[in-house]
């Protein structure tokens, strides 16, 4: 599975609010040994939401956690965008959602809140432990939740165990060397596909540094490929420090 976050919120892009979904979702996926493939923050604009959903749907093995825009105000476009991008473009009254909304809000369900029962065809409801108003999912692939962390984060905690995620243990080894990253590129080019490698260069007043990180779910491969860097640094008599981690 590849995991994606789609955060729909003009208020985040114009700095009226801070995003809290990326950090939360990343932390929860890390418990399974997984990371986000991408995290997108986009404007509350119908065509942009539709095109983004279509693109995400085209990606194989993708699981998308979508936050925001499923309310009943005129700037909430996600329900209609989901119907347009992933179904027949029509919103239908979901009788189960309608009953929950009416039972919860009584007379206050009308005239606006009841519109949150208008959902794409063949959706599944997601329980809202905070105020009972349900969210929804499509195809066990797209999970559409409110922008409010108080509501959506518990939904994520409910969803993750049901996805049958194969847990991975990732072995990561990290060092910081007193050199330019260019001195290690020929080692970087030898990394196999089952190894994640990152190079983070920095420039300080007393000279360059580079932080090299090597990770793999194969413990031996992680150790052997990290050793290629330490052997090279020792050969060139370049000073480095270790900061080994386990994920």
C-alpha atoms as a PDB file:
ATOM      1  CA  UNK A   1       0.000   0.000   0.000  1.00  0.00           C
ATOM      2  CA  UNK A   2       1.062   3.584  -0.724  1.00  0.00           C
ATOM      3  CA  UNK A   3      -0.439   6.192   1.591  1.00  0.00           C
ATOM      4  CA  UNK A   4      -1.383   9.745   0.658  1.00  0.00           C
ATOM      5  CA  UNK A   5      -2.790  12.707   2.555  1.00  0.00           C
ATOM      6  CA  UNK A   6      -4.998  15.198   0.748  1.00  0.00           C
ATOM      7  CA  UNK A   7      -5.635  18.265   2.886  1.00  0.00           C
ATOM      8  CA  UNK A   8      -8.241  20.609   1.440  1.00  0.00           C
ATOM      9  CA  UNK A   9      -8.053  23.991   3.096  1.00  0.00           C
ATOM     10  CA  UNK A  10      -7.688  27.490   1.747  1.00  0.00           C
ATOM     11  CA  UNK A  11      -7.302  28.622   5.346  1.00  0.00           C
ATOM     12  CA  UNK A  12      -4.089  26.597   5.641  1.00  0.00           C
ATOM     13  CA  UNK A  13      -2.582  27.988   2.459  1.00  0.00           C
ATOM     14  CA  UNK A  14      -3.357  31.570   3.460  1.00  0.00           C
ATOM     15  CA  UNK A  15      -1.956  30.898   6.963  1.00  0.00           C
ATOM     16  CA  UNK A  16      -5.201  31.476   8.859  1.00  0.00           C
ATOM     17  CA  UNK A  17      -4.805  27.982  10.315  1.00  0.00           C
ATOM     18  CA  UNK A  18      -1.948  25.537  10.750  1.00  0.00           C
ATOM     19  CA  UNK A  19      -2.117  22.030   9.360  1.00  0.00           C
ATOM     20  CA  UNK A  20      -2.189  19.304  12.010  1.00  0.00           C
ATOM     21  CA  UNK A  21      -2.980  16.319   9.822  1.00  0.00           C
ATOM     22  CA  UNK A  22       0.437  15.666   8.268  1.00  0.00           C
ATOM     23  CA  UNK A  23       2.278  15.196  11.557  1.00  0.00           C
ATOM     24  CA  UNK A  24      -0.486  13.048  13.043  1.00  0.00           C
ATOM     25  CA  UNK A  25      -0.899  10.766  10.046  1.00  0.00           C
ATOM     26  CA  UNK A  26       2.860  10.396   9.595  1.00  0.00           C
ATOM     27  CA  UNK A  27       3.258   9.393  13.241  1.00  0.00           C
ATOM     28  CA  UNK A  28       0.463   6.830  13.090  1.00  0.00           C
ATOM     29  CA  UNK A  29       1.761   5.248   9.874  1.00  0.00           C
ATOM     30  CA  UNK A  30       5.239   5.047  11.398  1.00  0.00           C
ATOM     31  CA  UNK A  31       3.819   2.624  13.983  1.00  0.00           C
ATOM     32  CA  UNK A  32       3.265   0.231  11.074  1.00  0.00           C
ATOM     33  CA  UNK A  33       6.675   0.918   9.569  1.00  0.00           C
ATOM     34  CA  UNK A  34       5.212   2.984   6.730  1.00  0.00           C
ATOM     35  CA  UNK A  35       5.504   6.576   5.550  1.00  0.00           C
ATOM     36  CA  UNK A  36       3.358   8.885   3.474  1.00  0.00           C
ATOM     37  CA  UNK A  37       4.100   8.749  -0.245  1.00  0.00           C
ATOM     38  CA  UNK A  38       2.886  12.333  -0.543  1.00  0.00           C
ATOM     39  CA  UNK A  39       1.001  14.988   1.385  1.00  0.00           C
ATOM     40  CA  UNK A  40      -0.915  17.570  -0.630  1.00  0.00           C
ATOM     41  CA  UNK A  41      -2.456  20.798   0.635  1.00  0.00           C
ATOM     42  CA  UNK A  42      -4.799  22.328  -1.927  1.00  0.00           C
ATOM     43  CA  UNK A  43      -7.232  25.204  -2.299  1.00  0.00           C
ATOM     44  CA  UNK A  44     -10.996  24.804  -1.773  1.00  0.00           C
ATOM     45  CA  UNK A  45     -11.593  24.970  -5.516  1.00  0.00           C
ATOM     46  CA  UNK A  46     -13.928  22.406  -7.127  1.00  0.00           C
ATOM     47  CA  UNK A  47     -12.013  21.755 -10.356  1.00  0.00           C
ATOM     48  CA  UNK A  48      -8.718  21.455  -8.492  1.00  0.00           C
ATOM     49  CA  UNK A  49     -10.214  18.970  -6.020  1.00  0.00           C
ATOM     50  CA  UNK A  50     -11.725  16.893  -8.844  1.00  0.00           C
ATOM     51  CA  UNK A  51      -8.495  16.744 -10.856  1.00  0.00           C
ATOM     52  CA  UNK A  52      -6.458  15.885  -7.757  1.00  0.00           C
ATOM     53  CA  UNK A  53      -8.831  13.064  -6.802  1.00  0.00           C
ATOM     54  CA  UNK A  54      -8.701  11.666 -10.335  1.00  0.00           C
ATOM     55  CA  UNK A  55      -4.907  11.709 -10.272  1.00  0.00           C
ATOM     56  CA  UNK A  56      -4.773   9.983  -6.881  1.00  0.00           C
ATOM     57  CA  UNK A  57      -7.253   7.385  -8.099  1.00  0.00           C
ATOM     58  CA  UNK A  58      -4.974   6.584 -11.038  1.00  0.00           C
ATOM     59  CA  UNK A  59      -2.113   5.581  -8.732  1.00  0.00           C
ATOM     60  CA  UNK A  60      -1.898   1.824  -8.064  1.00  0.00           C
ATOM     61  CA  UNK A  61      -2.220   0.525  -4.506  1.00  0.00           C
ATOM     62  CA  UNK A  62      -3.061   3.985  -3.191  1.00  0.00           C
ATOM     63  CA  UNK A  63      -4.865   4.721   0.072  1.00  0.00           C
ATOM     64  CA  UNK A  64      -5.941   8.351   0.419  1.00  0.00           C
ATOM     65  CA  UNK A  65      -6.842  10.144   3.632  1.00  0.00           C
ATOM     66  CA  UNK A  66      -8.725  13.291   2.652  1.00  0.00           C
ATOM     67  CA  UNK A  67      -9.335  16.035   5.193  1.00  0.00           C
ATOM     68  CA  UNK A  68     -11.756  18.938   4.837  1.00  0.00           C
ATOM     69  CA  UNK A  69     -14.636  20.243   2.772  1.00  0.00           C
ATOM     70  CA  UNK A  70     -17.422  17.789   3.618  1.00  0.00           C
ATOM     71  CA  UNK A  71     -19.561  20.188   5.641  1.00  0.00           C
ATOM     72  CA  UNK A  72     -22.726  22.043   4.670  1.00  0.00           C
ATOM     73  CA  UNK A  73     -21.441  25.557   3.915  1.00  0.00           C
ATOM     74  CA  UNK A  74     -21.042  26.918   0.367  1.00  0.00           C
ATOM     75  CA  UNK A  75     -17.233  26.589   0.534  1.00  0.00           C
ATOM     76  CA  UNK A  76     -17.439  22.830   1.211  1.00  0.00           C
ATOM     77  CA  UNK A  77     -16.927  21.220  -2.201  1.00  0.00           C
ATOM     78  CA  UNK A  78     -15.448  17.824  -1.376  1.00  0.00           C
ATOM     79  CA  UNK A  79     -18.617  15.734  -1.388  1.00  0.00           C
ATOM     80  CA  UNK A  80     -19.571  16.925  -4.872  1.00  0.00           C
ATOM     81  CA  UNK A  81     -15.973  16.711  -6.096  1.00  0.00           C
ATOM     82  CA  UNK A  82     -15.773  13.095  -4.910  1.00  0.00           C
ATOM     83  CA  UNK A  83     -18.981  12.250  -6.760  1.00  0.00           C
ATOM     84  CA  UNK A  84     -17.683  13.952  -9.914  1.00  0.00           C
ATOM     85  CA  UNK A  85     -14.199  12.434  -9.828  1.00  0.00           C
ATOM     86  CA  UNK A  86     -15.005   8.934  -8.594  1.00  0.00           C
ATOM     87  CA  UNK A  87     -18.683   8.236  -9.338  1.00  0.00           C
ATOM     88  CA  UNK A  88     -21.414   9.478 -11.688  1.00  0.00           C
ATOM     89  CA  UNK A  89     -21.297  13.126 -10.633  1.00  0.00           C
ATOM     90  CA  UNK A  90     -24.520  12.925  -8.638  1.00  0.00           C
ATOM     91  CA  UNK A  91     -25.021  13.265  -4.886  1.00  0.00           C
ATOM     92  CA  UNK A  92     -27.686  10.972  -3.433  1.00  0.00           C
ATOM     93  CA  UNK A  93     -29.496  11.135  -0.118  1.00  0.00           C
ATOM     94  CA  UNK A  94     -27.846   8.548   2.108  1.00  0.00           C
ATOM     95  CA  UNK A  95     -30.699   7.410   4.314  1.00  0.00           C
ATOM     96  CA  UNK A  96     -28.440   6.114   7.073  1.00  0.00           C
ATOM     97  CA  UNK A  97     -26.537   9.410   7.232  1.00  0.00           C
ATOM     98  CA  UNK A  98     -29.818  11.342   7.123  1.00  0.00           C
ATOM     99  CA  UNK A  99     -31.183   9.411  10.095  1.00  0.00           C
ATOM    100  CA  UNK A 100     -28.018   9.999  12.128  1.00  0.00           C
ATOM    101  CA  UNK A 101     -28.067  13.721  11.378  1.00  0.00           C
ATOM    102  CA  UNK A 102     -31.759  14.104  12.213  1.00  0.00           C
ATOM    103  CA  UNK A 103     -31.511  11.984  15.368  1.00  0.00           C
ATOM    104  CA  UNK A 104     -28.511  14.007  16.514  1.00  0.00           C
ATOM    105  CA  UNK A 105     -29.545  17.549  15.610  1.00  0.00           C
ATOM    106  CA  UNK A 106     -33.350  17.259  15.625  1.00  0.00           C
ATOM    107  CA  UNK A 107     -34.872  20.502  14.325  1.00  0.00           C
ATOM    108  CA  UNK A 108     -31.413  22.002  13.841  1.00  0.00           C
ATOM    109  CA  UNK A 109     -30.758  19.484  11.074  1.00  0.00           C
ATOM    110  CA  UNK A 110     -32.757  21.741   8.759  1.00  0.00           C
ATOM    111  CA  UNK A 111     -32.290  23.532   6.465  1.00  0.00           C
ATOM    112  CA  UNK A 112     -28.505  23.204   6.122  1.00  0.00           C
ATOM    113  CA  UNK A 113     -26.920  20.374   8.125  1.00  0.00           C
ATOM    114  CA  UNK A 114     -29.134  17.808   6.432  1.00  0.00           C
ATOM    115  CA  UNK A 115     -27.199  18.493   3.227  1.00  0.00           C
ATOM    116  CA  UNK A 116     -24.308  16.492   4.687  1.00  0.00           C
ATOM    117  CA  UNK A 117     -26.420  13.394   3.999  1.00  0.00           C
ATOM    118  CA  UNK A 118     -26.051  14.083   0.273  1.00  0.00           C
ATOM    119  CA  UNK A 119     -23.205  11.729  -0.594  1.00  0.00           C
ATOM    120  CA  UNK A 120     -21.674   9.922  -3.593  1.00  0.00           C
ATOM    121  CA  UNK A 121     -23.216   6.650  -4.719  1.00  0.00           C
ATOM    122  CA  UNK A 122     -22.218   3.468  -2.885  1.00  0.00           C
ATOM    123  CA  UNK A 123     -20.242   5.168  -0.156  1.00  0.00           C
ATOM    124  CA  UNK A 124     -19.601   3.728   3.291  1.00  0.00           C
ATOM    125  CA  UNK A 125     -20.108   5.853   6.380  1.00  0.00           C
ATOM    126  CA  UNK A 126     -17.331   6.638   8.855  1.00  0.00           C
ATOM    127  CA  UNK A 127     -18.326   7.040  12.485  1.00  0.00           C
ATOM    128  CA  UNK A 128     -17.776  10.457  14.029  1.00  0.00           C
ATOM    129  CA  UNK A 129     -17.126  10.016  17.754  1.00  0.00           C
ATOM    130  CA  UNK A 130     -17.020  13.772  18.330  1.00  0.00           C
ATOM    131  CA  UNK A 131     -20.439  14.994  17.184  1.00  0.00           C
ATOM    132  CA  UNK A 132     -21.990  11.906  15.487  1.00  0.00           C
ATOM    133  CA  UNK A 133     -22.213  13.524  12.011  1.00  0.00           C
ATOM    134  CA  UNK A 134     -20.705  10.803   9.769  1.00  0.00           C
ATOM    135  CA  UNK A 135     -17.955  11.103   7.209  1.00  0.00           C
ATOM    136  CA  UNK A 136     -17.638   8.643   4.323  1.00  0.00           C
ATOM    137  CA  UNK A 137     -15.323   6.443   2.292  1.00  0.00           C
ATOM    138  CA  UNK A 138     -15.273   5.154  -1.272  1.00  0.00           C
ATOM    139  CA  UNK A 139     -13.950   1.772  -2.395  1.00  0.00           C
ATOM    140  CA  UNK A 140     -11.999   1.257   0.822  1.00  0.00           C
ATOM    141  CA  UNK A 141      -9.440   3.538  -0.839  1.00  0.00           C
ATOM    142  CA  UNK A 142     -10.589   7.132  -0.309  1.00  0.00           C
ATOM    143  CA  UNK A 143     -11.445   8.204   3.231  1.00  0.00           C
ATOM    144  CA  UNK A 144     -13.168  11.586   3.330  1.00  0.00           C
ATOM    145  CA  UNK A 145     -13.105  13.195   6.764  1.00  0.00           C
ATOM    146  CA  UNK A 146     -13.760  16.611   8.325  1.00  0.00           C
ATOM    147  CA  UNK A 147     -10.984  19.159   8.515  1.00  0.00           C
ATOM    148  CA  UNK A 148     -11.328  19.305  12.296  1.00  0.00           C
ATOM    149  CA  UNK A 149      -8.584  17.181  13.916  1.00  0.00           C
ATOM    150  CA  UNK A 150     -10.870  16.514  16.889  1.00  0.00           C
ATOM    151  CA  UNK A 151     -13.125  14.537  14.551  1.00  0.00           C
ATOM    152  CA  UNK A 152     -10.883  13.164  11.816  1.00  0.00           C
ATOM    153  CA  UNK A 153      -7.957  11.882  13.855  1.00  0.00           C
ATOM    154  CA  UNK A 154     -10.095   9.400  15.750  1.00  0.00           C
ATOM    155  CA  UNK A 155     -11.489   8.292  12.400  1.00  0.00           C
ATOM    156  CA  UNK A 156      -7.948   7.604  11.196  1.00  0.00           C
ATOM    157  CA  UNK A 157      -7.341   5.520  14.324  1.00  0.00           C
ATOM    158  CA  UNK A 158     -10.486   3.544  13.517  1.00  0.00           C
ATOM    159  CA  UNK A 159      -9.547   3.059   9.851  1.00  0.00           C
ATOM    160  CA  UNK A 160      -5.909   1.964  10.066  1.00  0.00           C
ATOM    161  CA  UNK A 161      -6.443  -1.374  11.878  1.00  0.00           C
ATOM    162  CA  UNK A 162      -9.102  -2.331   9.301  1.00  0.00           C
ATOM    163  CA  UNK A 163      -6.762  -1.911   6.322  1.00  0.00           C
ATOM    164  CA  UNK A 164      -4.750  -5.043   7.129  1.00  0.00           C
ATOM    165  CA  UNK A 165      -1.518  -3.130   6.734  1.00  0.00           C
ATOM    166  CA  UNK A 166       1.505  -5.361   6.605  1.00  0.00           C
ATOM    167  CA  UNK A 167       3.709  -4.103   9.406  1.00  0.00           C
ATOM    168  CA  UNK A 168       7.318  -3.473   8.540  1.00  0.00           C
ATOM    169  CA  UNK A 169      10.354  -3.017  10.738  1.00  0.00           C
ATOM    170  CA  UNK A 170      12.706  -0.492   9.178  1.00  0.00           C
ATOM    171  CA  UNK A 171      16.382  -0.385  10.090  1.00  0.00           C
ATOM    172  CA  UNK A 172      17.934   3.037   9.684  1.00  0.00           C
ATOM    173  CA  UNK A 173      21.555   4.113  10.071  1.00  0.00           C
ATOM    174  CA  UNK A 174      22.645   7.738   9.957  1.00  0.00           C
ATOM    175  CA  UNK A 175      25.918   9.607  10.032  1.00  0.00           C
ATOM    176  CA  UNK A 176      27.123  13.171   9.636  1.00  0.00           C
ATOM    177  CA  UNK A 177      30.463  13.675   7.873  1.00  0.00           C
ATOM    178  CA  UNK A 178      32.688  16.738   7.613  1.00  0.00           C
ATOM    179  CA  UNK A 179      32.771  16.830   3.828  1.00  0.00           C
ATOM    180  CA  UNK A 180      30.798  17.789   0.729  1.00  0.00           C
ATOM    181  CA  UNK A 181      28.165  15.320  -0.455  1.00  0.00           C
ATOM    182  CA  UNK A 182      29.898  15.223  -3.839  1.00  0.00           C
ATOM    183  CA  UNK A 183      32.673  13.160  -2.231  1.00  0.00           C
ATOM    184  CA  UNK A 184      30.177  10.353  -1.609  1.00  0.00           C
ATOM    185  CA  UNK A 185      28.039  10.380  -4.758  1.00  0.00           C
ATOM    186  CA  UNK A 186      29.878   7.393  -6.245  1.00  0.00           C
ATOM    187  CA  UNK A 187      28.826   5.402  -3.145  1.00  0.00           C
ATOM    188  CA  UNK A 188      25.256   6.675  -3.359  1.00  0.00           C
ATOM    189  CA  UNK A 189      25.042   5.345  -6.912  1.00  0.00           C
ATOM    190  CA  UNK A 190      25.618   1.790  -5.667  1.00  0.00           C
ATOM    191  CA  UNK A 191      22.549   1.673  -3.430  1.00  0.00           C
ATOM    192  CA  UNK A 192      20.142  -1.170  -4.368  1.00  0.00           C
ATOM    193  CA  UNK A 193      16.393  -0.698  -4.833  1.00  0.00           C
ATOM    194  CA  UNK A 194      15.516  -2.157  -1.442  1.00  0.00           C
ATOM    195  CA  UNK A 195      17.496   0.595   0.306  1.00  0.00           C
ATOM    196  CA  UNK A 196      16.234   4.104   0.971  1.00  0.00           C
ATOM    197  CA  UNK A 197      19.114   6.571   0.942  1.00  0.00           C
ATOM    198  CA  UNK A 198      19.054  10.302   1.623  1.00  0.00           C
ATOM    199  CA  UNK A 199      21.798  12.909   1.510  1.00  0.00           C
ATOM    200  CA  UNK A 200      21.301  16.221   3.334  1.00  0.00           C
ATOM    201  CA  UNK A 201      24.121  18.723   2.785  1.00  0.00           C
ATOM    202  CA  UNK A 202      24.695  21.756   4.998  1.00  0.00           C
ATOM    203  CA  UNK A 203      27.100  24.648   4.873  1.00  0.00           C
ATOM    204  CA  UNK A 204      28.489  26.086   8.107  1.00  0.00           C
ATOM    205  CA  UNK A 205      30.965  28.864   8.753  1.00  0.00           C
ATOM    206  CA  UNK A 206      33.675  26.287   9.465  1.00  0.00           C
ATOM    207  CA  UNK A 207      32.949  24.192   6.367  1.00  0.00           C
ATOM    208  CA  UNK A 208      30.525  21.735   4.726  1.00  0.00           C
ATOM    209  CA  UNK A 209      28.784  18.776   6.303  1.00  0.00           C
ATOM    210  CA  UNK A 210      26.573  16.049   4.901  1.00  0.00           C
ATOM    211  CA  UNK A 211      24.145  13.785   6.726  1.00  0.00           C
ATOM    212  CA  UNK A 212      23.758  10.372   5.108  1.00  0.00           C
ATOM    213  CA  UNK A 213      20.847   8.130   6.049  1.00  0.00           C
ATOM    214  CA  UNK A 214      20.420   4.525   4.902  1.00  0.00           C
ATOM    215  CA  UNK A 215      17.282   2.506   5.677  1.00  0.00           C
ATOM    216  CA  UNK A 216      15.798  -0.833   4.703  1.00  0.00           C
ATOM    217  CA  UNK A 217      13.392  -3.444   6.005  1.00  0.00           C
ATOM    218  CA  UNK A 218      16.240  -5.895   5.317  1.00  0.00           C
ATOM    219  CA  UNK A 219      18.497  -5.588   8.357  1.00  0.00           C
ATOM    220  CA  UNK A 220      21.575  -7.037   6.670  1.00  0.00           C
ATOM    221  CA  UNK A 221      21.167  -4.889   3.570  1.00  0.00           C
ATOM    222  CA  UNK A 222      20.870  -1.758   5.705  1.00  0.00           C
ATOM    223  CA  UNK A 223      24.069  -2.600   7.583  1.00  0.00           C
ATOM    224  CA  UNK A 224      26.086  -3.603   4.517  1.00  0.00           C
ATOM    225  CA  UNK A 225      25.135  -0.568   2.440  1.00  0.00           C
ATOM    226  CA  UNK A 226      25.709   1.841   5.313  1.00  0.00           C
ATOM    227  CA  UNK A 227      29.156   0.292   5.776  1.00  0.00           C
ATOM    228  CA  UNK A 228      30.028   1.362   2.231  1.00  0.00           C
ATOM    229  CA  UNK A 229      29.861   4.968   3.422  1.00  0.00           C
ATOM    230  CA  UNK A 230      31.800   4.456   6.644  1.00  0.00           C
ATOM    231  CA  UNK A 231      34.490   2.484   4.805  1.00  0.00           C
ATOM    232  CA  UNK A 232      34.875   5.299   2.274  1.00  0.00           C
ATOM    233  CA  UNK A 233      35.042   7.975   4.960  1.00  0.00           C
ATOM    234  CA  UNK A 234      37.653   6.020   6.884  1.00  0.00           C
ATOM    235  CA  UNK A 235      39.641   5.467   3.697  1.00  0.00           C
ATOM    236  CA  UNK A 236      39.673   9.210   3.004  1.00  0.00           C
ATOM    237  CA  UNK A 237      40.268   9.988   6.700  1.00  0.00           C
ATOM    238  CA  UNK A 238      37.124  12.144   6.837  1.00  0.00           C
ATOM    239  CA  UNK A 239      35.733  12.752  10.317  1.00  0.00           C
ATOM    240  CA  UNK A 240      32.164  11.603  10.886  1.00  0.00           C
ATOM    241  CA  UNK A 241      29.750  10.913  13.752  1.00  0.00           C
ATOM    242  CA  UNK A 242      27.166   8.149  13.989  1.00  0.00           C
ATOM    243  CA  UNK A 243      23.516   8.522  14.921  1.00  0.00           C
ATOM    244  CA  UNK A 244      22.006   5.079  14.430  1.00  0.00           C
ATOM    245  CA  UNK A 245      18.235   4.762  14.637  1.00  0.00           C
ATOM    246  CA  UNK A 246      15.620   2.017  14.495  1.00  0.00           C
ATOM    247  CA  UNK A 247      12.181   2.700  13.109  1.00  0.00           C
END
